Amino acid sequence: MATTLVPPQPVAPPSNGGFGSRGSFGNDGFGNNGFGGPGGDPHRESSRWSVPARAYRTGMWIAMAAILMLFAAFTSALIVRQGISTDWVPTALPPVLYLNTAVLLASSLTLELSRRSLAAHSPDQFARWFYITIGLGFGFVAGQLVAWRELASRGVYLSTNPSSSFFYLLTAAHGLHLLGGIAAMCYLAFHCRKLALKFKKPVAVDVAALYWHFMDGLWLYILILLMVRL
């Protein structure tokens, strides 16, 4: 029987792109080996795909800018509504708001003490001041509920008049955003000791502190707005 010889076929050169090539997504276009799969280096790839710290800070600045725009819209609506309103009745602010303000400002102080303890690698002091900060945050929210109950005892509700509507709207919007910060702080509280033992200060603590101080400043603005406009 005769044997047929098959000439060797030319081999295509490797491609630098496409779904089947080793591109920027790893060994293949779907990133199977680029994220620690067969043939990949998980340590090298994890460092390649790690998010830089400045990205978290930038994201937080964008979020705070969006919140500022929201409250700027509320402020504009309040001023316009008050200017054209014929049924505007001033709302006397509950005195507990001033106590709430002191509690919130104190929480910023304890948070900074916590961050200093973290920089000094003192896990116990860091955790202690951090827990106190969270407790003061919950105390502020509880004080806001007390302020609402005081208004309700006077017969002042959300729909009583435009002035009371803006009071409830502004304080509720701030309270909801502050609860988001408290939730983030509670998450970090579960990792207090681990965070304190790290060589570098975790960026999560810095971002959380930035948001918390921002909420303090926002509340001072809201309080002044209520004092002047309501």
C-alpha atoms as a PDB file:
ATOM      1  CA  MET A   1       0.000   0.000   0.000  1.00  0.00           C
ATOM      2  CA  ALA A   2       1.363   3.399  -0.994  1.00  0.00           C
ATOM      3  CA  THR A   3       1.976   5.960   1.705  1.00  0.00           C
ATOM      4  CA  THR A   4       0.841   9.530   1.073  1.00  0.00           C
ATOM      5  CA  LEU A   5       3.079  12.171   2.511  1.00  0.00           C
ATOM      6  CA  VAL A   6       1.313  15.276   3.843  1.00  0.00           C
ATOM      7  CA  PRO A   7       3.452  18.393   3.700  1.00  0.00           C
ATOM      8  CA  PRO A   8       3.726  20.325   6.982  1.00  0.00           C
ATOM      9  CA  GLN A   9       1.216  23.130   7.374  1.00  0.00           C
ATOM     10  CA  PRO A  10       2.444  26.627   8.192  1.00  0.00           C
ATOM     11  CA  VAL A  11       1.797  27.706  11.768  1.00  0.00           C
ATOM     12  CA  ALA A  12       0.070  31.058  12.175  1.00  0.00           C
ATOM     13  CA  PRO A  13       1.970  33.542  14.313  1.00  0.00           C
ATOM     14  CA  PRO A  14       0.455  34.331  17.689  1.00  0.00           C
ATOM     15  CA  SER A  15      -2.019  37.180  17.657  1.00  0.00           C
ATOM     16  CA  ASN A  16      -1.742  40.169  19.957  1.00  0.00           C
ATOM     17  CA  GLY A  17      -5.459  40.713  20.234  1.00  0.00           C
ATOM     18  CA  GLY A  18      -8.805  39.054  19.875  1.00  0.00           C
ATOM     19  CA  PHE A  19     -10.700  36.737  22.145  1.00  0.00           C
ATOM     20  CA  GLY A  20      -8.250  33.865  21.855  1.00  0.00           C
ATOM     21  CA  SER A  21      -5.038  35.770  22.431  1.00  0.00           C
ATOM     22  CA  ARG A  22      -2.982  36.719  25.424  1.00  0.00           C
ATOM     23  CA  GLY A  23      -4.117  40.312  25.695  1.00  0.00           C
ATOM     24  CA  SER A  24      -4.709  42.710  28.493  1.00  0.00           C
ATOM     25  CA  PHE A  25      -7.275  40.343  30.031  1.00  0.00           C
ATOM     26  CA  GLY A  26      -4.868  37.453  30.742  1.00  0.00           C
ATOM     27  CA  ASN A  27      -3.879  34.349  28.839  1.00  0.00           C
ATOM     28  CA  ASP A  28      -7.095  34.380  26.828  1.00  0.00           C
ATOM     29  CA  GLY A  29      -9.655  36.981  26.005  1.00  0.00           C
ATOM     30  CA  PHE A  30     -11.954  35.861  28.791  1.00  0.00           C
ATOM     31  CA  GLY A  31      -9.314  36.259  31.498  1.00  0.00           C
ATOM     32  CA  ASN A  32      -9.335  32.601  32.585  1.00  0.00           C
ATOM     33  CA  ASN A  33      -5.624  32.591  33.389  1.00  0.00           C
ATOM     34  CA  GLY A  34      -5.472  36.300  34.145  1.00  0.00           C
ATOM     35  CA  PHE A  35      -7.234  35.912  37.487  1.00  0.00           C
ATOM     36  CA  GLY A  36      -5.262  33.070  39.003  1.00  0.00           C
ATOM     37  CA  GLY A  37      -6.464  30.276  36.716  1.00  0.00           C
ATOM     38  CA  PRO A  38      -4.295  27.530  35.200  1.00  0.00           C
ATOM     39  CA  GLY A  39      -1.064  28.969  33.897  1.00  0.00           C
ATOM     40  CA  GLY A  40      -1.446  32.304  35.638  1.00  0.00           C
ATOM     41  CA  ASP A  41       0.241  33.910  38.623  1.00  0.00           C
ATOM     42  CA  PRO A  42      -2.456  34.875  41.138  1.00  0.00           C
ATOM     43  CA  HIS A  43      -0.154  37.149  43.137  1.00  0.00           C
ATOM     44  CA  ARG A  44       0.982  39.067  40.084  1.00  0.00           C
ATOM     45  CA  GLU A  45      -2.534  39.334  38.681  1.00  0.00           C
ATOM     46  CA  SER A  46      -4.095  40.382  42.003  1.00  0.00           C
ATOM     47  CA  SER A  47      -1.639  43.252  42.215  1.00  0.00           C
ATOM     48  CA  ARG A  48      -2.339  44.152  38.578  1.00  0.00           C
ATOM     49  CA  TRP A  49      -6.087  44.345  39.148  1.00  0.00           C
ATOM     50  CA  SER A  50      -6.003  45.953  42.617  1.00  0.00           C
ATOM     51  CA  VAL A  51      -7.885  49.238  42.893  1.00  0.00           C
ATOM     52  CA  PRO A  52      -5.682  52.199  43.889  1.00  0.00           C
ATOM     53  CA  ALA A  53      -6.538  54.022  47.087  1.00  0.00           C
ATOM     54  CA  ARG A  54      -7.207  57.271  45.272  1.00  0.00           C
ATOM     55  CA  ALA A  55     -10.045  55.590  43.365  1.00  0.00           C
ATOM     56  CA  TYR A  56     -11.963  55.076  46.608  1.00  0.00           C
ATOM     57  CA  ARG A  57     -11.400  58.663  47.655  1.00  0.00           C
ATOM     58  CA  THR A  58     -12.452  59.923  44.240  1.00  0.00           C
ATOM     59  CA  GLY A  59     -15.612  57.840  44.409  1.00  0.00           C
ATOM     60  CA  MET A  60     -16.411  59.267  47.822  1.00  0.00           C
ATOM     61  CA  TRP A  61     -15.894  62.838  46.591  1.00  0.00           C
ATOM     62  CA  ILE A  62     -18.272  62.163  43.715  1.00  0.00           C
ATOM     63  CA  ALA A  63     -20.857  60.728  46.105  1.00  0.00           C
ATOM     64  CA  MET A  64     -20.580  63.746  48.397  1.00  0.00           C
ATOM     65  CA  ALA A  65     -20.948  66.090  45.428  1.00  0.00           C
ATOM     66  CA  ALA A  66     -24.181  64.301  44.489  1.00  0.00           C
ATOM     67  CA  ILE A  67     -25.475  64.685  48.051  1.00  0.00           C
ATOM     68  CA  LEU A  68     -24.620  68.386  47.995  1.00  0.00           C
ATOM     69  CA  MET A  69     -26.560  68.807  44.775  1.00  0.00           C
ATOM     70  CA  LEU A  70     -29.556  67.085  46.352  1.00  0.00           C
ATOM     71  CA  PHE A  71     -29.604  69.400  49.358  1.00  0.00           C
ATOM     72  CA  ALA A  72     -28.958  72.406  47.154  1.00  0.00           C
ATOM     73  CA  ALA A  73     -32.133  71.463  45.283  1.00  0.00           C
ATOM     74  CA  PHE A  74     -34.007  71.181  48.597  1.00  0.00           C
ATOM     75  CA  THR A  75     -32.716  74.612  49.607  1.00  0.00           C
ATOM     76  CA  SER A  76     -33.828  76.183  46.343  1.00  0.00           C
ATOM     77  CA  ALA A  77     -37.265  74.590  46.660  1.00  0.00           C
ATOM     78  CA  LEU A  78     -37.598  75.872  50.228  1.00  0.00           C
ATOM     79  CA  ILE A  79     -36.691  79.448  49.282  1.00  0.00           C
ATOM     80  CA  VAL A  80     -39.023  79.493  46.275  1.00  0.00           C
ATOM     81  CA  ARG A  81     -41.892  77.892  48.196  1.00  0.00           C
ATOM     82  CA  GLN A  82     -41.531  80.332  51.044  1.00  0.00           C
ATOM     83  CA  GLY A  83     -41.465  83.269  48.648  1.00  0.00           C
ATOM     84  CA  ILE A  84     -44.714  82.361  46.884  1.00  0.00           C
ATOM     85  CA  SER A  85     -46.536  80.810  49.829  1.00  0.00           C
ATOM     86  CA  THR A  86     -49.557  82.369  51.491  1.00  0.00           C
ATOM     87  CA  ASP A  87     -49.938  79.612  54.071  1.00  0.00           C
ATOM     88  CA  TRP A  88     -46.392  79.551  55.431  1.00  0.00           C
ATOM     89  CA  VAL A  89     -46.447  79.123  59.220  1.00  0.00           C
ATOM     90  CA  PRO A  90     -43.054  79.260  60.997  1.00  0.00           C
ATOM     91  CA  THR A  91     -42.091  76.057  62.789  1.00  0.00           C
ATOM     92  CA  ALA A  92     -40.396  76.437  66.160  1.00  0.00           C
ATOM     93  CA  LEU A  93     -37.371  74.156  66.274  1.00  0.00           C
ATOM     94  CA  PRO A  94     -37.309  71.536  69.053  1.00  0.00           C
ATOM     95  CA  PRO A  95     -34.562  72.397  71.582  1.00  0.00           C
ATOM     96  CA  VAL A  96     -33.257  68.818  71.386  1.00  0.00           C
ATOM     97  CA  LEU A  97     -31.769  69.670  67.978  1.00  0.00           C
ATOM     98  CA  TYR A  98     -28.994  71.640  69.668  1.00  0.00           C
ATOM     99  CA  LEU A  99     -28.150  68.689  71.893  1.00  0.00           C
ATOM    100  CA  ASN A 100     -28.138  66.470  68.820  1.00  0.00           C
ATOM    101  CA  THR A 101     -25.689  68.855  67.170  1.00  0.00           C
ATOM    102  CA  ALA A 102     -23.309  68.598  70.137  1.00  0.00           C
ATOM    103  CA  VAL A 103     -23.548  64.799  70.005  1.00  0.00           C
ATOM    104  CA  LEU A 104     -22.718  64.703  66.302  1.00  0.00           C
ATOM    105  CA  LEU A 105     -19.764  67.070  66.688  1.00  0.00           C
ATOM    106  CA  ALA A 106     -18.495  64.936  69.566  1.00  0.00           C
ATOM    107  CA  SER A 107     -18.632  61.896  67.283  1.00  0.00           C
ATOM    108  CA  SER A 108     -16.252  63.615  64.859  1.00  0.00           C
ATOM    109  CA  LEU A 109     -13.840  64.205  67.736  1.00  0.00           C
ATOM    110  CA  THR A 110     -13.951  60.586  68.881  1.00  0.00           C
ATOM    111  CA  LEU A 111     -13.489  59.405  65.298  1.00  0.00           C
ATOM    112  CA  GLU A 112     -10.310  61.452  64.988  1.00  0.00           C
ATOM    113  CA  LEU A 113      -9.070  60.027  68.288  1.00  0.00           C
ATOM    114  CA  SER A 114      -9.769  56.595  66.878  1.00  0.00           C
ATOM    115  CA  ARG A 115      -7.780  57.346  63.723  1.00  0.00           C
ATOM    116  CA  ARG A 116      -4.825  58.559  65.799  1.00  0.00           C
ATOM    117  CA  SER A 117      -4.929  55.343  67.784  1.00  0.00           C
ATOM    118  CA  LEU A 118      -4.954  53.419  64.531  1.00  0.00           C
ATOM    119  CA  ALA A 119      -1.889  55.299  63.308  1.00  0.00           C
ATOM    120  CA  ALA A 120      -0.179  54.426  66.601  1.00  0.00           C
ATOM    121  CA  HIS A 121      -1.082  50.715  66.139  1.00  0.00           C
ATOM    122  CA  SER A 122      -3.087  50.590  69.354  1.00  0.00           C
ATOM    123  CA  PRO A 123      -5.915  48.116  68.684  1.00  0.00           C
ATOM    124  CA  ASP A 124      -7.694  48.536  72.010  1.00  0.00           C
ATOM    125  CA  GLN A 125      -7.855  52.331  71.920  1.00  0.00           C
ATOM    126  CA  PHE A 126      -8.760  52.327  68.241  1.00  0.00           C
ATOM    127  CA  ALA A 127     -11.672  49.944  68.867  1.00  0.00           C
ATOM    128  CA  ARG A 128     -12.819  51.838  71.968  1.00  0.00           C
ATOM    129  CA  TRP A 129     -13.008  55.238  70.270  1.00  0.00           C
ATOM    130  CA  PHE A 130     -14.507  53.687  67.155  1.00  0.00           C
ATOM    131  CA  TYR A 131     -17.321  52.063  69.124  1.00  0.00           C
ATOM    132  CA  ILE A 132     -17.954  55.342  70.950  1.00  0.00           C
ATOM    133  CA  THR A 133     -18.258  57.097  67.588  1.00  0.00           C
ATOM    134  CA  ILE A 134     -20.856  54.595  66.408  1.00  0.00           C
ATOM    135  CA  GLY A 135     -22.753  54.960  69.681  1.00  0.00           C
ATOM    136  CA  LEU A 136     -22.829  58.734  69.312  1.00  0.00           C
ATOM    137  CA  GLY A 137     -24.106  58.309  65.752  1.00  0.00           C
ATOM    138  CA  PHE A 138     -26.991  56.193  66.971  1.00  0.00           C
ATOM    139  CA  GLY A 139     -27.559  58.746  69.729  1.00  0.00           C
ATOM    140  CA  PHE A 140     -27.923  61.498  67.130  1.00  0.00           C
ATOM    141  CA  VAL A 141     -30.486  59.473  65.157  1.00  0.00           C
ATOM    142  CA  ALA A 142     -32.418  58.746  68.357  1.00  0.00           C
ATOM    143  CA  GLY A 143     -32.371  62.460  69.177  1.00  0.00           C
ATOM    144  CA  GLN A 144     -33.838  63.263  65.771  1.00  0.00           C
ATOM    145  CA  LEU A 145     -36.692  60.867  66.476  1.00  0.00           C
ATOM    146  CA  VAL A 146     -37.248  62.666  69.761  1.00  0.00           C
ATOM    147  CA  ALA A 147     -37.443  65.973  67.855  1.00  0.00           C
ATOM    148  CA  TRP A 148     -40.083  64.512  65.536  1.00  0.00           C
ATOM    149  CA  ARG A 149     -42.113  63.252  68.477  1.00  0.00           C
ATOM    150  CA  GLU A 150     -41.930  66.672  70.096  1.00  0.00           C
ATOM    151  CA  LEU A 151     -43.318  68.276  66.934  1.00  0.00           C
ATOM    152  CA  ALA A 152     -46.020  65.628  66.739  1.00  0.00           C
ATOM    153  CA  SER A 153     -47.027  66.364  70.335  1.00  0.00           C
ATOM    154  CA  ARG A 154     -47.620  69.971  69.245  1.00  0.00           C
ATOM    155  CA  GLY A 155     -49.787  68.786  66.369  1.00  0.00           C
ATOM    156  CA  VAL A 156     -47.140  69.626  63.761  1.00  0.00           C
ATOM    157  CA  TYR A 157     -46.830  66.878  61.155  1.00  0.00           C
ATOM    158  CA  LEU A 158     -45.389  66.465  57.683  1.00  0.00           C
ATOM    159  CA  SER A 159     -48.474  67.855  55.942  1.00  0.00           C
ATOM    160  CA  THR A 160     -49.415  70.499  58.520  1.00  0.00           C
ATOM    161  CA  ASN A 161     -47.879  73.387  56.577  1.00  0.00           C
ATOM    162  CA  PRO A 162     -45.048  73.951  54.063  1.00  0.00           C
ATOM    163  CA  SER A 163     -42.622  74.912  56.822  1.00  0.00           C
ATOM    164  CA  SER A 164     -43.074  71.657  58.730  1.00  0.00           C
ATOM    165  CA  SER A 165     -42.889  69.691  55.485  1.00  0.00           C
ATOM    166  CA  PHE A 166     -39.410  71.040  54.783  1.00  0.00           C
ATOM    167  CA  PHE A 167     -38.337  70.384  58.359  1.00  0.00           C
ATOM    168  CA  TYR A 168     -39.249  66.718  58.117  1.00  0.00           C
ATOM    169  CA  LEU A 169     -37.838  66.436  54.600  1.00  0.00           C
ATOM    170  CA  LEU A 170     -34.430  67.912  55.398  1.00  0.00           C
ATOM    171  CA  THR A 171     -33.935  66.123  58.700  1.00  0.00           C
ATOM    172  CA  ALA A 172     -35.115  62.793  57.293  1.00  0.00           C
ATOM    173  CA  ALA A 173     -32.863  63.038  54.226  1.00  0.00           C
ATOM    174  CA  HIS A 174     -29.865  63.817  56.396  1.00  0.00           C
ATOM    175  CA  GLY A 175     -30.755  61.032  58.829  1.00  0.00           C
ATOM    176  CA  LEU A 176     -30.945  58.455  56.039  1.00  0.00           C
ATOM    177  CA  HIS A 177     -27.542  59.442  54.675  1.00  0.00           C
ATOM    178  CA  LEU A 178     -26.098  59.347  58.177  1.00  0.00           C
ATOM    179  CA  LEU A 179     -27.484  55.832  58.671  1.00  0.00           C
ATOM    180  CA  GLY A 180     -25.534  54.805  55.586  1.00  0.00           C
ATOM    181  CA  GLY A 181     -22.387  56.070  57.273  1.00  0.00           C
ATOM    182  CA  ILE A 182     -23.278  54.226  60.474  1.00  0.00           C
ATOM    183  CA  ALA A 183     -23.735  51.000  58.503  1.00  0.00           C
ATOM    184  CA  ALA A 184     -20.266  51.404  56.982  1.00  0.00           C
ATOM    185  CA  MET A 185     -18.785  52.136  60.406  1.00  0.00           C
ATOM    186  CA  CYS A 186     -20.446  49.045  61.880  1.00  0.00           C
ATOM    187  CA  TYR A 187     -18.921  46.945  59.116  1.00  0.00           C
ATOM    188  CA  LEU A 188     -15.474  48.334  59.908  1.00  0.00           C
ATOM    189  CA  ALA A 189     -16.065  47.761  63.620  1.00  0.00           C
ATOM    190  CA  PHE A 190     -16.113  44.000  63.044  1.00  0.00           C
ATOM    191  CA  HIS A 191     -12.557  44.279  61.713  1.00  0.00           C
ATOM    192  CA  CYS A 192     -11.165  46.753  64.239  1.00  0.00           C
ATOM    193  CA  ARG A 193      -8.364  44.567  65.551  1.00  0.00           C
ATOM    194  CA  LYS A 194      -7.351  43.375  62.092  1.00  0.00           C
ATOM    195  CA  LEU A 195      -7.252  46.966  60.829  1.00  0.00           C
ATOM    196  CA  ALA A 196      -5.123  48.112  63.748  1.00  0.00           C
ATOM    197  CA  LEU A 197      -2.531  45.390  63.134  1.00  0.00           C
ATOM    198  CA  LYS A 198      -1.911  46.388  59.528  1.00  0.00           C
ATOM    199  CA  PHE A 199       1.332  48.172  58.718  1.00  0.00           C
ATOM    200  CA  LYS A 200      -0.419  50.873  56.709  1.00  0.00           C
ATOM    201  CA  LYS A 201      -3.566  52.720  57.724  1.00  0.00           C
ATOM    202  CA  PRO A 202      -6.468  51.204  55.734  1.00  0.00           C
ATOM    203  CA  VAL A 203      -7.999  53.519  53.179  1.00  0.00           C
ATOM    204  CA  ALA A 204     -11.480  52.349  54.255  1.00  0.00           C
ATOM    205  CA  VAL A 205     -11.089  54.139  57.577  1.00  0.00           C
ATOM    206  CA  ASP A 206      -9.993  57.355  55.876  1.00  0.00           C
ATOM    207  CA  VAL A 207     -12.910  57.241  53.427  1.00  0.00           C
ATOM    208  CA  ALA A 208     -15.408  56.534  56.220  1.00  0.00           C
ATOM    209  CA  ALA A 209     -14.006  59.423  58.265  1.00  0.00           C
ATOM    210  CA  LEU A 210     -14.233  61.747  55.267  1.00  0.00           C
ATOM    211  CA  TYR A 211     -17.906  60.884  54.805  1.00  0.00           C
ATOM    212  CA  TRP A 212     -18.640  61.202  58.522  1.00  0.00           C
ATOM    213  CA  HIS A 213     -17.106  64.671  58.805  1.00  0.00           C
ATOM    214  CA  PHE A 214     -18.976  65.662  55.671  1.00  0.00           C
ATOM    215  CA  MET A 215     -22.270  64.632  57.263  1.00  0.00           C
ATOM    216  CA  ASP A 216     -21.400  66.721  60.330  1.00  0.00           C
ATOM    217  CA  GLY A 217     -20.795  69.786  58.181  1.00  0.00           C
ATOM    218  CA  LEU A 218     -23.963  69.127  56.225  1.00  0.00           C
ATOM    219  CA  TRP A 219     -25.985  68.978  59.427  1.00  0.00           C
ATOM    220  CA  LEU A 220     -24.587  72.330  60.578  1.00  0.00           C
ATOM    221  CA  TYR A 221     -25.704  73.808  57.267  1.00  0.00           C
ATOM    222  CA  ILE A 222     -29.190  72.303  57.623  1.00  0.00           C
ATOM    223  CA  LEU A 223     -29.522  73.564  61.206  1.00  0.00           C
ATOM    224  CA  ILE A 224     -28.578  77.104  60.200  1.00  0.00           C
ATOM    225  CA  LEU A 225     -30.962  76.927  57.244  1.00  0.00           C
ATOM    226  CA  LEU A 226     -33.799  75.822  59.521  1.00  0.00           C
ATOM    227  CA  MET A 227     -33.034  78.545  62.048  1.00  0.00           C
ATOM    228  CA  VAL A 228     -32.989  81.263  59.395  1.00  0.00           C
ATOM    229  CA  ARG A 229     -35.790  80.125  57.096  1.00  0.00           C
ATOM    230  CA  LEU A 230     -38.308  78.354  59.328  1.00  0.00           C
END
